[in-house]
Structures are given as structure tokens and as C-alpha cells.
């Protein structure tokens, strides 16, 4: 498998503000992003074209658990680790857990990075390179924050129903 880079691309800004933050007293008083269906269609069109043209090898939206959950799902499906680098100055909680179906984690073969980023830029779609698929690695590393073994994830993420609803 060729080396891949991980990008985050979005219909709107790369960091959404519609995230619940317990550090702010348990409520989110910030304004939520308004839906722009034309921008969301643009994101879908780019992902479709990228997939068709071999520029995108995987894509997961960030609507359930943000970058962290999408990274975990992708690593488990691909049975390989990854390294994620949070943008400089970003709040780790917001960067990792901000949820939005208008943001997507995208795996791009390194040979196609220029074509993918040029396509996004030409159409006005924001993007940022946030990591790499680490072929042969057995962990997910959020640089400067933590690392977790792929072997530990099924137990950690496993059946939560019994733990939650047991007496």
C-alpha cells in the first residue's frame, strides 16, 4: 500500500464552533454554523471526483466524535496506525472532538497530494494536512497529547451497552 497523508477538508471552516465544551460551564453559548447546502454539495462533489480520479482512498465525516473517532475508525478498518498533528495553537478538545458532517477526514496517497489540494483550493474548499497513515504502526498517535495501541481499542470501544446499563 502506498504511503498516505491525512487531510481535513470542510464545507465551512476547518474548526467548527458547534462543540459542547465542559470547560465553558457545560453550555455552548457560541453561535452555531449555519447550513449552506451549496457548500456541502461542493464538498460532496470534490470527494466524489477525488474518489473517481484516485485522489482519495478513504473519507470519513466528522459528525460522530470528530477527528479522533474518525481516525480510530479508519485505523481499525485499515489495520494500520496513524499519526495526527493538531494545528498549532488549537485547543486539543475542540480539534479532536468537534463534530460536523460538513467536515471530512480524507486519506490521500502522497503521490496525489498536490492534485487533491489544488482541486480543493481551486474550488475554494478549505483543507489542512493533519497527519499520515503510518503503515506497519500498531498505534494511533496524537502528537504531543497521547498514543493508544490498536490492540487496546476493541476492548476500549467494545460493547458499551452492558457497562452503561448494568445495575
Foldseek 3Di string as FASTA:
>chain_A
DFWKFKKKWFLDDSFFQPDQDVVVVRDRPDDGDDDDVVSLVVVVVLVVVCVVVQFFPDKDAQAAFGPQVVQLVVCLVVVFEKEFEFPPPDDVCRRGGPHDRRMMITIGRPVNVVVSVVVCVVVVIDMDTTIITDPPHQWYHHPPPDIDGNVCVCVVVPDCVCVVPPD
